[in-house]
Amino acid sequence: MTTLHHEGYLATLEVDEEAGVIHGRVVNARAVLTFEGETLPELRQAFADTVADYRDWCAERGVEPEKPYSGNLSLRIPPELHRRVAEQAAKAGESVNHFIAERLEEVAP
């Protein structure tokens, strides 16, 4: 899947050959943010305009724009796996959070 990034926001792209446009949808915000363009420069500008419009909309309502990624991740795992991870973290002299973050860095550099 093709993606586009702008100021921390991530959008997936889909080509509509029939209409001759590229549709984009921001995937890391709860708000529904979409845009489209016929060329890559037009698409990038539409993406930037959509993010700016979203921030303006939030400002008008006195709400904080949703940050693309907060750095907090809620994860549900089986208790036995949790125990093994905690043991490995303790053996490495690390917190569970740090231990997991290091493992994720290894698979998603």
PDB file of N, CA and C in Angstrom:
ATOM      1  N   MET A   1       0.842  -1.175   0.000  1.00  0.00           N
ATOM      2  CA  MET A   1       0.000   0.000   0.000  1.00  0.00           C
ATOM      3  C   MET A   1       0.890   1.241   0.000  1.00  0.00           C
ATOM      4  N   THR A   2       0.497   2.219  -0.749  1.00  0.00           N
ATOM      5  CA  THR A   2       1.253   3.455  -0.829  1.00  0.00           C
ATOM      6  C   THR A   2       0.777   4.417   0.249  1.00  0.00           C
ATOM      7  N   THR A   3       1.746   5.093   0.873  1.00  0.00           N
ATOM      8  CA  THR A   3       1.423   6.036   1.937  1.00  0.00           C
ATOM      9  C   THR A   3       2.096   7.371   1.676  1.00  0.00           C
ATOM     10  N   LEU A   4       1.627   8.381   2.377  1.00  0.00           N
ATOM     11  CA  LEU A   4       2.172   9.723   2.301  1.00  0.00           C
ATOM     12  C   LEU A   4       2.233  10.256   3.724  1.00  0.00           C
ATOM     13  N   HIS A   5       3.285  11.008   4.060  1.00  0.00           N
ATOM     14  CA  HIS A   5       3.457  11.570   5.400  1.00  0.00           C
ATOM     15  C   HIS A   5       3.443  13.094   5.330  1.00  0.00           C
ATOM     16  N   HIS A   6       2.847  13.718   6.355  1.00  0.00           N
ATOM     17  CA  HIS A   6       2.869  15.177   6.474  1.00  0.00           C
ATOM     18  C   HIS A   6       2.744  15.540   7.947  1.00  0.00           C
ATOM     19  N   GLU A   7       3.784  16.176   8.502  1.00  0.00           N
ATOM     20  CA  GLU A   7       3.791  16.658   9.884  1.00  0.00           C
ATOM     21  C   GLU A   7       3.315  15.607  10.885  1.00  0.00           C
ATOM     22  N   GLY A   8       3.780  14.385  10.709  1.00  0.00           N
ATOM     23  CA  GLY A   8       3.443  13.306  11.632  1.00  0.00           C
ATOM     24  C   GLY A   8       2.182  12.548  11.281  1.00  0.00           C
ATOM     25  N   TYR A   9       1.406  13.059  10.351  1.00  0.00           N
ATOM     26  CA  TYR A   9       0.193  12.358   9.932  1.00  0.00           C
ATOM     27  C   TYR A   9       0.525  11.405   8.791  1.00  0.00           C
ATOM     28  N   LEU A  10      -0.150  10.275   8.764  1.00  0.00           N
ATOM     29  CA  LEU A  10       0.075   9.229   7.769  1.00  0.00           C
ATOM     30  C   LEU A  10      -1.217   9.013   7.005  1.00  0.00           C
ATOM     31  N   ALA A  11      -1.112   9.005   5.679  1.00  0.00           N
ATOM     32  CA  ALA A  11      -2.291   8.777   4.847  1.00  0.00           C
ATOM     33  C   ALA A  11      -2.032   7.603   3.912  1.00  0.00           C
ATOM     34  N   THR A  12      -3.064   6.818   3.694  1.00  0.00           N
ATOM     35  CA  THR A  12      -3.008   5.770   2.675  1.00  0.00           C
ATOM     36  C   THR A  12      -3.614   6.349   1.406  1.00  0.00           C
ATOM     37  N   LEU A  13      -3.131   5.854   0.271  1.00  0.00           N
ATOM     38  CA  LEU A  13      -3.560   6.386  -1.023  1.00  0.00           C
ATOM     39  C   LEU A  13      -4.200   5.295  -1.858  1.00  0.00           C
ATOM     40  N   GLU A  14      -5.183   5.705  -2.627  1.00  0.00           N
ATOM     41  CA  GLU A  14      -5.871   4.783  -3.521  1.00  0.00           C
ATOM     42  C   GLU A  14      -6.123   5.503  -4.843  1.00  0.00           C
ATOM     43  N   VAL A  15      -5.753   4.852  -5.928  1.00  0.00           N
ATOM     44  CA  VAL A  15      -5.930   5.444  -7.260  1.00  0.00           C
ATOM     45  C   VAL A  15      -7.301   5.063  -7.808  1.00  0.00           C
ATOM     46  N   ASP A  16      -8.039   6.055  -8.274  1.00  0.00           N
ATOM     47  CA  ASP A  16      -9.316   5.831  -8.949  1.00  0.00           C
ATOM     48  C   ASP A  16      -9.058   6.104 -10.430  1.00  0.00           C
ATOM     49  N   GLU A  17      -8.710   5.046 -11.160  1.00  0.00           N
ATOM     50  CA  GLU A  17      -8.356   5.197 -12.567  1.00  0.00           C
ATOM     51  C   GLU A  17      -9.501   5.783 -13.382  1.00  0.00           C
ATOM     52  N   GLU A  18     -10.698   5.351 -13.069  1.00  0.00           N
ATOM     53  CA  GLU A  18     -11.864   5.826 -13.816  1.00  0.00           C
ATOM     54  C   GLU A  18     -12.040   7.335 -13.701  1.00  0.00           C
ATOM     55  N   ALA A  19     -11.906   7.853 -12.479  1.00  0.00           N
ATOM     56  CA  ALA A  19     -12.083   9.282 -12.243  1.00  0.00           C
ATOM     57  C   ALA A  19     -10.802  10.074 -12.500  1.00  0.00           C
ATOM     58  N   GLY A  20      -9.678   9.367 -12.582  1.00  0.00           N
ATOM     59  CA  GLY A  20      -8.400  10.037 -12.814  1.00  0.00           C
ATOM     60  C   GLY A  20      -7.897  10.817 -11.628  1.00  0.00           C
ATOM     61  N   VAL A  21      -8.202  10.333 -10.404  1.00  0.00           N
ATOM     62  CA  VAL A  21      -7.737  11.008  -9.193  1.00  0.00           C
ATOM     63  C   VAL A  21      -7.128  10.002  -8.219  1.00  0.00           C
ATOM     64  N   ILE A  22      -6.373  10.552  -7.294  1.00  0.00           N
ATOM     65  CA  ILE A  22      -5.799   9.763  -6.209  1.00  0.00           C
ATOM     66  C   ILE A  22      -6.489  10.229  -4.931  1.00  0.00           C
ATOM     67  N   HIS A  23      -7.078   9.295  -4.200  1.00  0.00           N
ATOM     68  CA  HIS A  23      -7.751   9.611  -2.944  1.00  0.00           C
ATOM     69  C   HIS A  23      -6.794   9.306  -1.794  1.00  0.00           C
ATOM     70  N   GLY A  24      -6.780  10.166  -0.802  1.00  0.00           N
ATOM     71  CA  GLY A  24      -5.987   9.943   0.397  1.00  0.00           C
ATOM     72  C   GLY A  24      -6.861   9.961   1.623  1.00  0.00           C
ATOM     73  N   ARG A  25      -6.471   9.170   2.610  1.00  0.00           N
ATOM     74  CA  ARG A  25      -7.198   9.122   3.885  1.00  0.00           C
ATOM     75  C   ARG A  25      -6.187   9.043   5.017  1.00  0.00           C
ATOM     76  N   VAL A  26      -6.287   9.976   5.958  1.00  0.00           N
ATOM     77  CA  VAL A  26      -5.403   9.976   7.125  1.00  0.00           C
ATOM     78  C   VAL A  26      -5.815   8.824   8.021  1.00  0.00           C
ATOM     79  N   VAL A  27      -4.844   7.986   8.379  1.00  0.00           N
ATOM     80  CA  VAL A  27      -5.155   6.782   9.150  1.00  0.00           C
ATOM     81  C   VAL A  27      -4.745   6.859  10.615  1.00  0.00           C
ATOM     82  N   ASN A  28      -4.013   7.892  10.999  1.00  0.00           N
ATOM     83  CA  ASN A  28      -3.590   7.967  12.399  1.00  0.00           C
ATOM     84  C   ASN A  28      -4.234   9.148  13.119  1.00  0.00           C
ATOM     85  N   ALA A  29      -5.513   9.360  12.829  1.00  0.00           N
ATOM     86  CA  ALA A  29      -6.324  10.341  13.550  1.00  0.00           C
ATOM     87  C   ALA A  29      -7.741   9.773  13.631  1.00  0.00           C
ATOM     88  N   ARG A  30      -8.408  10.023  14.738  1.00  0.00           N
ATOM     89  CA  ARG A  30      -9.787   9.547  14.872  1.00  0.00           C
ATOM     90  C   ARG A  30     -10.726  10.327  13.960  1.00  0.00           C
ATOM     91  N   ALA A  31     -10.409  11.605  13.733  1.00  0.00           N
ATOM     92  CA  ALA A  31     -11.221  12.414  12.821  1.00  0.00           C
ATOM     93  C   ALA A  31     -11.099  11.842  11.409  1.00  0.00           C
ATOM     94  N   VAL A  32     -12.168  11.941  10.646  1.00  0.00           N
ATOM     95  CA  VAL A  32     -12.137  11.471   9.262  1.00  0.00           C
ATOM     96  C   VAL A  32     -11.545  12.589   8.415  1.00  0.00           C
ATOM     97  N   LEU A  33     -10.324  12.369   7.940  1.00  0.00           N
ATOM     98  CA  LEU A  33      -9.614  13.364   7.141  1.00  0.00           C
ATOM     99  C   LEU A  33      -9.287  12.742   5.790  1.00  0.00           C
ATOM    100  N   THR A  34      -9.878  13.288   4.741  1.00  0.00           N
ATOM    101  CA  THR A  34      -9.651  12.770   3.395  1.00  0.00           C
ATOM    102  C   THR A  34      -9.261  13.914   2.468  1.00  0.00           C
ATOM    103  N   PHE A  35      -8.652  13.557   1.357  1.00  0.00           N
ATOM    104  CA  PHE A  35      -8.229  14.547   0.362  1.00  0.00           C
ATOM    105  C   PHE A  35      -8.029  13.831  -0.959  1.00  0.00           C
ATOM    106  N   GLU A  36      -7.887  14.602  -2.031  1.00  0.00           N
ATOM    107  CA  GLU A  36      -7.631  13.983  -3.326  1.00  0.00           C
ATOM    108  C   GLU A  36      -6.911  14.953  -4.235  1.00  0.00           C
ATOM    109  N   GLY A  37      -6.289  14.396  -5.268  1.00  0.00           N
ATOM    110  CA  GLY A  37      -5.603  15.201  -6.265  1.00  0.00           C
ATOM    111  C   GLY A  37      -5.377  14.383  -7.522  1.00  0.00           C
ATOM    112  N   GLU A  38      -5.101  15.084  -8.599  1.00  0.00           N
ATOM    113  CA  GLU A  38      -4.856  14.402  -9.872  1.00  0.00           C
ATOM    114  C   GLU A  38      -3.376  14.156 -10.119  1.00  0.00           C
ATOM    115  N   THR A  39      -2.514  14.930  -9.464  1.00  0.00           N
ATOM    116  CA  THR A  39      -1.071  14.761  -9.609  1.00  0.00           C
ATOM    117  C   THR A  39      -0.462  14.640  -8.213  1.00  0.00           C
ATOM    118  N   LEU A  40       0.765  14.169  -8.132  1.00  0.00           N
ATOM    119  CA  LEU A  40       1.419  14.037  -6.833  1.00  0.00           C
ATOM    120  C   LEU A  40       1.583  15.397  -6.150  1.00  0.00           C
ATOM    121  N   PRO A  41       2.048  16.445  -6.855  1.00  0.00           N
ATOM    122  CA  PRO A  41       2.131  17.752  -6.190  1.00  0.00           C
ATOM    123  C   PRO A  41       0.765  18.247  -5.700  1.00  0.00           C
ATOM    124  N   GLU A  42      -0.286  18.040  -6.487  1.00  0.00           N
ATOM    125  CA  GLU A  42      -1.629  18.443  -6.083  1.00  0.00           C
ATOM    126  C   GLU A  42      -2.084  17.635  -4.868  1.00  0.00           C
ATOM    127  N   LEU A  43      -1.769  16.358  -4.853  1.00  0.00           N
ATOM    128  CA  LEU A  43      -2.137  15.490  -3.743  1.00  0.00           C
ATOM    129  C   LEU A  43      -1.427  15.921  -2.466  1.00  0.00           C
ATOM    130  N   ARG A  44      -0.134  16.210  -2.567  1.00  0.00           N
ATOM    131  CA  ARG A  44       0.620  16.653  -1.386  1.00  0.00           C
ATOM    132  C   ARG A  44       0.060  17.960  -0.839  1.00  0.00           C
ATOM    133  N   GLN A  45      -0.294  18.879  -1.728  1.00  0.00           N
ATOM    134  CA  GLN A  45      -0.868  20.152  -1.288  1.00  0.00           C
ATOM    135  C   GLN A  45      -2.224  19.935  -0.627  1.00  0.00           C
ATOM    136  N   ALA A  46      -3.031  19.051  -1.203  1.00  0.00           N
ATOM    137  CA  ALA A  46      -4.343  18.757  -0.624  1.00  0.00           C
ATOM    138  C   ALA A  46      -4.196  18.135   0.762  1.00  0.00           C
ATOM    139  N   PHE A  47      -3.198  17.282   0.941  1.00  0.00           N
ATOM    140  CA  PHE A  47      -2.922  16.670   2.242  1.00  0.00           C
ATOM    141  C   PHE A  47      -2.562  17.756   3.251  1.00  0.00           C
ATOM    142  N   ALA A  48      -1.631  18.640   2.881  1.00  0.00           N
ATOM    143  CA  ALA A  48      -1.216  19.729   3.770  1.00  0.00           C
ATOM    144  C   ALA A  48      -2.402  20.629   4.110  1.00  0.00           C
ATOM    145  N   ASP A  49      -3.233  20.932   3.114  1.00  0.00           N
ATOM    146  CA  ASP A  49      -4.410  21.772   3.349  1.00  0.00           C
ATOM    147  C   ASP A  49      -5.397  21.091   4.290  1.00  0.00           C
ATOM    148  N   THR A  50      -5.565  19.789   4.150  1.00  0.00           N
ATOM    149  CA  THR A  50      -6.477  19.042   5.010  1.00  0.00           C
ATOM    150  C   THR A  50      -6.010  19.074   6.458  1.00  0.00           C
ATOM    151  N   VAL A  51      -4.714  18.886   6.673  1.00  0.00           N
ATOM    152  CA  VAL A  51      -4.173  18.937   8.036  1.00  0.00           C
ATOM    153  C   VAL A  51      -4.337  20.344   8.610  1.00  0.00           C
ATOM    154  N   ALA A  52      -4.059  21.371   7.807  1.00  0.00           N
ATOM    155  CA  ALA A  52      -4.221  22.759   8.265  1.00  0.00           C
ATOM    156  C   ALA A  52      -5.684  23.054   8.591  1.00  0.00           C
ATOM    157  N   ASP A  53      -6.592  22.598   7.733  1.00  0.00           N
ATOM    158  CA  ASP A  53      -8.025  22.800   7.989  1.00  0.00           C
ATOM    159  C   ASP A  53      -8.457  22.113   9.275  1.00  0.00           C
ATOM    160  N   TYR A  54      -7.939  20.915   9.503  1.00  0.00           N
ATOM    161  CA  TYR A  54      -8.265  20.173  10.722  1.00  0.00           C
ATOM    162  C   TYR A  54      -7.799  20.949  11.955  1.00  0.00           C
ATOM    163  N   ARG A  55      -6.583  21.471  11.891  1.00  0.00           N
ATOM    164  CA  ARG A  55      -6.061  22.239  13.028  1.00  0.00           C
ATOM    165  C   ARG A  55      -6.863  23.522  13.238  1.00  0.00           C
ATOM    166  N   ASP A  56      -7.247  24.197  12.159  1.00  0.00           N
ATOM    167  CA  ASP A  56      -8.083  25.399  12.267  1.00  0.00           C
ATOM    168  C   ASP A  56      -9.433  25.054  12.890  1.00  0.00           C
ATOM    169  N   TRP A  57     -10.035  23.948  12.445  1.00  0.00           N
ATOM    170  CA  TRP A  57     -11.323  23.497  12.955  1.00  0.00           C
ATOM    171  C   TRP A  57     -11.225  23.265  14.462  1.00  0.00           C
ATOM    172  N   CYS A  58     -10.137  22.631  14.898  1.00  0.00           N
ATOM    173  CA  CYS A  58      -9.929  22.377  16.328  1.00  0.00           C
ATOM    174  C   CYS A  58      -9.775  23.690  17.091  1.00  0.00           C
ATOM    175  N   ALA A  59      -9.001  24.621  16.533  1.00  0.00           N
ATOM    176  CA  ALA A  59      -8.775  25.910  17.191  1.00  0.00           C
ATOM    177  C   ALA A  59     -10.080  26.681  17.354  1.00  0.00           C
ATOM    178  N   GLU A  60     -10.934  26.653  16.341  1.00  0.00           N
ATOM    179  CA  GLU A  60     -12.224  27.343  16.406  1.00  0.00           C
ATOM    180  C   GLU A  60     -13.099  26.793  17.523  1.00  0.00           C
ATOM    181  N   ARG A  61     -12.944  25.539  17.837  1.00  0.00           N
ATOM    182  CA  ARG A  61     -13.762  24.895  18.865  1.00  0.00           C
ATOM    183  C   ARG A  61     -13.061  24.827  20.224  1.00  0.00           C
ATOM    184  N   GLY A  62     -11.826  25.318  20.262  1.00  0.00           N
ATOM    185  CA  GLY A  62     -11.093  25.312  21.520  1.00  0.00           C
ATOM    186  C   GLY A  62     -10.655  23.937  21.973  1.00  0.00           C
ATOM    187  N   VAL A  63     -10.446  23.038  21.016  1.00  0.00           N
ATOM    188  CA  VAL A  63      -9.969  21.697  21.366  1.00  0.00           C
ATOM    189  C   VAL A  63      -8.573  21.493  20.796  1.00  0.00           C
ATOM    190  N   GLU A  64      -7.836  20.646  21.441  1.00  0.00           N
ATOM    191  CA  GLU A  64      -6.477  20.329  21.011  1.00  0.00           C
ATOM    192  C   GLU A  64      -6.533  19.338  19.854  1.00  0.00           C
ATOM    193  N   PRO A  65      -5.824  19.623  18.744  1.00  0.00           N
ATOM    194  CA  PRO A  65      -5.801  18.636  17.646  1.00  0.00           C
ATOM    195  C   PRO A  65      -5.216  17.317  18.136  1.00  0.00           C
ATOM    196  N   GLU A  66      -5.783  16.246  17.652  1.00  0.00           N
ATOM    197  CA  GLU A  66      -5.276  14.934  18.027  1.00  0.00           C
ATOM    198  C   GLU A  66      -3.851  14.784  17.494  1.00  0.00           C
ATOM    199  N   LYS A  67      -2.955  14.376  18.367  1.00  0.00           N
ATOM    200  CA  LYS A  67      -1.582  14.134  17.944  1.00  0.00           C
ATOM    201  C   LYS A  67      -1.536  12.797  17.221  1.00  0.00           C
ATOM    202  N   PRO A  68      -0.801  12.754  16.111  1.00  0.00           N
ATOM    203  CA  PRO A  68      -0.757  11.499  15.345  1.00  0.00           C
ATOM    204  C   PRO A  68      -0.359  10.283  16.180  1.00  0.00           C
ATOM    205  N   TYR A  69       0.682  10.413  16.984  1.00  0.00           N
ATOM    206  CA  TYR A  69       1.096   9.304  17.848  1.00  0.00           C
ATOM    207  C   TYR A  69       1.511   9.897  19.180  1.00  0.00           C
ATOM    208  N   SER A  70       0.944   9.374  20.250  1.00  0.00           N
ATOM    209  CA  SER A  70       1.217   9.912  21.577  1.00  0.00           C
ATOM    210  C   SER A  70       2.446   9.281  22.217  1.00  0.00           C
ATOM    211  N   GLY A  71       2.824   8.099  21.740  1.00  0.00           N
ATOM    212  CA  GLY A  71       3.904   7.371  22.390  1.00  0.00           C
ATOM    213  C   GLY A  71       3.387   6.381  23.416  1.00  0.00           C
ATOM    214  N   ASN A  72       2.082   6.393  23.658  1.00  0.00           N
ATOM    215  CA  ASN A  72       1.462   5.423  24.562  1.00  0.00           C
ATOM    216  C   ASN A  72       0.810   4.339  23.729  1.00  0.00           C
ATOM    217  N   LEU A  73       1.025   3.107  24.127  1.00  0.00           N
ATOM    218  CA  LEU A  73       0.469   1.966  23.406  1.00  0.00           C
ATOM    219  C   LEU A  73      -0.117   0.995  24.414  1.00  0.00           C
ATOM    220  N   SER A  74      -1.408   0.756  24.307  1.00  0.00           N
ATOM    221  CA  SER A  74      -2.058  -0.210  25.187  1.00  0.00           C
ATOM    222  C   SER A  74      -1.967  -1.571  24.506  1.00  0.00           C
ATOM    223  N   LEU A  75      -1.465  -2.540  25.220  1.00  0.00           N
ATOM    224  CA  LEU A  75      -1.219  -3.847  24.636  1.00  0.00           C
ATOM    225  C   LEU A  75      -1.792  -4.931  25.539  1.00  0.00           C
ATOM    226  N   ARG A  76      -2.587  -5.822  24.968  1.00  0.00           N
ATOM    227  CA  ARG A  76      -3.128  -6.943  25.735  1.00  0.00           C
ATOM    228  C   ARG A  76      -2.402  -8.210  25.297  1.00  0.00           C
ATOM    229  N   ILE A  77      -1.824  -8.886  26.270  1.00  0.00           N
ATOM    230  CA  ILE A  77      -1.109 -10.130  25.989  1.00  0.00           C
ATOM    231  C   ILE A  77      -1.523 -11.164  27.030  1.00  0.00           C
ATOM    232  N   PRO A  78      -1.330 -12.431  26.723  1.00  0.00           N
ATOM    233  CA  PRO A  78      -1.663 -13.466  27.712  1.00  0.00           C
ATOM    234  C   PRO A  78      -0.795 -13.313  28.970  1.00  0.00           C
ATOM    235  N   PRO A  79      -1.352 -13.627  30.134  1.00  0.00           N
ATOM    236  CA  PRO A  79      -0.604 -13.489  31.387  1.00  0.00           C
ATOM    237  C   PRO A  79       0.737 -14.232  31.380  1.00  0.00           C
ATOM    238  N   GLU A  80       0.777 -15.398  30.775  1.00  0.00           N
ATOM    239  CA  GLU A  80       2.031 -16.169  30.752  1.00  0.00           C
ATOM    240  C   GLU A  80       3.106 -15.426  29.951  1.00  0.00           C
ATOM    241  N   LEU A  81       2.735 -14.830  28.842  1.00  0.00           N
ATOM    242  CA  LEU A  81       3.695 -14.044  28.054  1.00  0.00           C
ATOM    243  C   LEU A  81       4.141 -12.826  28.850  1.00  0.00           C
ATOM    244  N   HIS A  82       3.214 -12.185  29.539  1.00  0.00           N
ATOM    245  CA  HIS A  82       3.553 -11.031  30.372  1.00  0.00           C
ATOM    246  C   HIS A  82       4.603 -11.422  31.422  1.00  0.00           C
ATOM    247  N   ARG A  83       4.402 -12.581  32.049  1.00  0.00           N
ATOM    248  CA  ARG A  83       5.349 -13.062  33.056  1.00  0.00           C
ATOM    249  C   ARG A  83       6.726 -13.272  32.446  1.00  0.00           C
ATOM    250  N   ARG A  84       6.785 -13.932  31.261  1.00  0.00           N
ATOM    251  CA  ARG A  84       8.078 -14.209  30.615  1.00  0.00           C
ATOM    252  C   ARG A  84       8.785 -12.924  30.210  1.00  0.00           C
ATOM    253  N   VAL A  85       8.017 -11.964  29.708  1.00  0.00           N
ATOM    254  CA  VAL A  85       8.605 -10.676  29.322  1.00  0.00           C
ATOM    255  C   VAL A  85       9.164  -9.973  30.557  1.00  0.00           C
ATOM    256  N   ALA A  86       8.400  -9.965  31.644  1.00  0.00           N
ATOM    257  CA  ALA A  86       8.857  -9.330  32.883  1.00  0.00           C
ATOM    258  C   ALA A  86      10.131  -9.987  33.398  1.00  0.00           C
ATOM    259  N   GLU A  87      10.203 -11.314  33.304  1.00  0.00           N
ATOM    260  CA  GLU A  87      11.416 -12.031  33.737  1.00  0.00           C
ATOM    261  C   GLU A  87      12.616 -11.647  32.876  1.00  0.00           C
ATOM    262  N   GLN A  88      12.427 -11.608  31.558  1.00  0.00           N
ATOM    263  CA  GLN A  88      13.524 -11.255  30.661  1.00  0.00           C
ATOM    264  C   GLN A  88      13.975  -9.813  30.896  1.00  0.00           C
ATOM    265  N   ALA A  89      13.031  -8.924  31.126  1.00  0.00           N
ATOM    266  CA  ALA A  89      13.369  -7.531  31.412  1.00  0.00           C
ATOM    267  C   ALA A  89      14.180  -7.431  32.700  1.00  0.00           C
ATOM    268  N   ALA A  90      13.757  -8.161  33.736  1.00  0.00           N
ATOM    269  CA  ALA A  90      14.474  -8.147  35.010  1.00  0.00           C
ATOM    270  C   ALA A  90      15.887  -8.683  34.844  1.00  0.00           C
ATOM    271  N   LYS A  91      16.047  -9.763  34.082  1.00  0.00           N
ATOM    272  CA  LYS A  91      17.375 -10.335  33.836  1.00  0.00           C
ATOM    273  C   LYS A  91      18.269  -9.342  33.106  1.00  0.00           C
ATOM    274  N   ALA A  92      17.670  -8.518  32.233  1.00  0.00           N
ATOM    275  CA  ALA A  92      18.440  -7.522  31.477  1.00  0.00           C
ATOM    276  C   ALA A  92      18.637  -6.242  32.279  1.00  0.00           C
ATOM    277  N   GLY A  93      18.018  -6.171  33.477  1.00  0.00           N
ATOM    278  CA  GLY A  93      18.134  -4.974  34.308  1.00  0.00           C
ATOM    279  C   GLY A  93      17.362  -3.793  33.728  1.00  0.00           C
ATOM    280  N   GLU A  94      16.269  -4.084  33.041  1.00  0.00           N
ATOM    281  CA  GLU A  94      15.482  -3.041  32.384  1.00  0.00           C
ATOM    282  C   GLU A  94      14.036  -3.090  32.874  1.00  0.00           C
ATOM    283  N   SER A  95      13.337  -1.977  32.672  1.00  0.00           N
ATOM    284  CA  SER A  95      11.900  -1.992  32.942  1.00  0.00           C
ATOM    285  C   SER A  95      11.230  -2.779  31.815  1.00  0.00           C
ATOM    286  N   VAL A  96      10.028  -3.263  32.068  1.00  0.00           N
ATOM    287  CA  VAL A  96       9.275  -3.969  31.034  1.00  0.00           C
ATOM    288  C   VAL A  96       9.066  -3.045  29.843  1.00  0.00           C
ATOM    289  N   ASN A  97       8.724  -1.783  30.107  1.00  0.00           N
ATOM    290  CA  ASN A  97       8.497  -0.822  29.032  1.00  0.00           C
ATOM    291  C   ASN A  97       9.739  -0.674  28.150  1.00  0.00           C
ATOM    292  N   HIS A  98      10.887  -0.479  28.769  1.00  0.00           N
ATOM    293  CA  HIS A  98      12.134  -0.309  28.017  1.00  0.00           C
ATOM    294  C   HIS A  98      12.479  -1.583  27.247  1.00  0.00           C
ATOM    295  N   PHE A  99      12.298  -2.715  27.880  1.00  0.00           N
ATOM    296  CA  PHE A  99      12.585  -4.000  27.247  1.00  0.00           C
ATOM    297  C   PHE A  99      11.731  -4.182  25.985  1.00  0.00           C
ATOM    298  N   ILE A 100      10.436  -3.920  26.099  1.00  0.00           N
ATOM    299  CA  ILE A 100       9.541  -4.067  24.948  1.00  0.00           C
ATOM    300  C   ILE A 100       9.887  -3.048  23.867  1.00  0.00           C
ATOM    301  N   ALA A 101      10.148  -1.802  24.262  1.00  0.00           N
ATOM    302  CA  ALA A 101      10.503  -0.766  23.281  1.00  0.00           C
ATOM    303  C   ALA A 101      11.746  -1.164  22.487  1.00  0.00           C
ATOM    304  N   GLU A 102      12.744  -1.735  23.166  1.00  0.00           N
ATOM    305  CA  GLU A 102      13.962  -2.184  22.463  1.00  0.00           C
ATOM    306  C   GLU A 102      13.647  -3.310  21.482  1.00  0.00           C
ATOM    307  N   ARG A 103      12.804  -4.256  21.880  1.00  0.00           N
ATOM    308  CA  ARG A 103      12.446  -5.345  20.971  1.00  0.00           C
ATOM    309  C   ARG A 103      11.691  -4.807  19.759  1.00  0.00           C
ATOM    310  N   LEU A 104      10.809  -3.835  19.966  1.00  0.00           N
ATOM    311  CA  LEU A 104      10.059  -3.255  18.844  1.00  0.00           C
ATOM    312  C   LEU A 104      10.995  -2.503  17.901  1.00  0.00           C
ATOM    313  N   GLU A 105      11.994  -1.832  18.444  1.00  0.00           N
ATOM    314  CA  GLU A 105      12.992  -1.133  17.608  1.00  0.00           C
ATOM    315  C   GLU A 105      13.716  -2.138  16.701  1.00  0.00           C
ATOM    316  N   GLU A 106      13.933  -3.345  17.204  1.00  0.00           N
ATOM    317  CA  GLU A 106      14.626  -4.366  16.416  1.00  0.00           C
ATOM    318  C   GLU A 106      13.808  -4.809  15.204  1.00  0.00           C
ATOM    319  N   VAL A 107      12.500  -4.866  15.353  1.00  0.00           N
ATOM    320  CA  VAL A 107      11.660  -5.358  14.249  1.00  0.00           C
ATOM    321  C   VAL A 107      11.057  -4.232  13.414  1.00  0.00           C
ATOM    322  N   ALA A 108      11.100  -3.000  13.919  1.00  0.00           N
ATOM    323  CA  ALA A 108      10.542  -1.864  13.165  1.00  0.00           C
ATOM    324  C   ALA A 108      11.511  -0.689  13.232  1.00  0.00           C
ATOM    325  N   PRO A 109      12.697  -0.870  12.637  1.00  0.00           N
ATOM    326  CA  PRO A 109      13.698   0.204  12.722  1.00  0.00           C
ATOM    327  C   PRO A 109      13.282   1.468  11.977  1.00  0.00           C
TER     328      PRO A 109
END
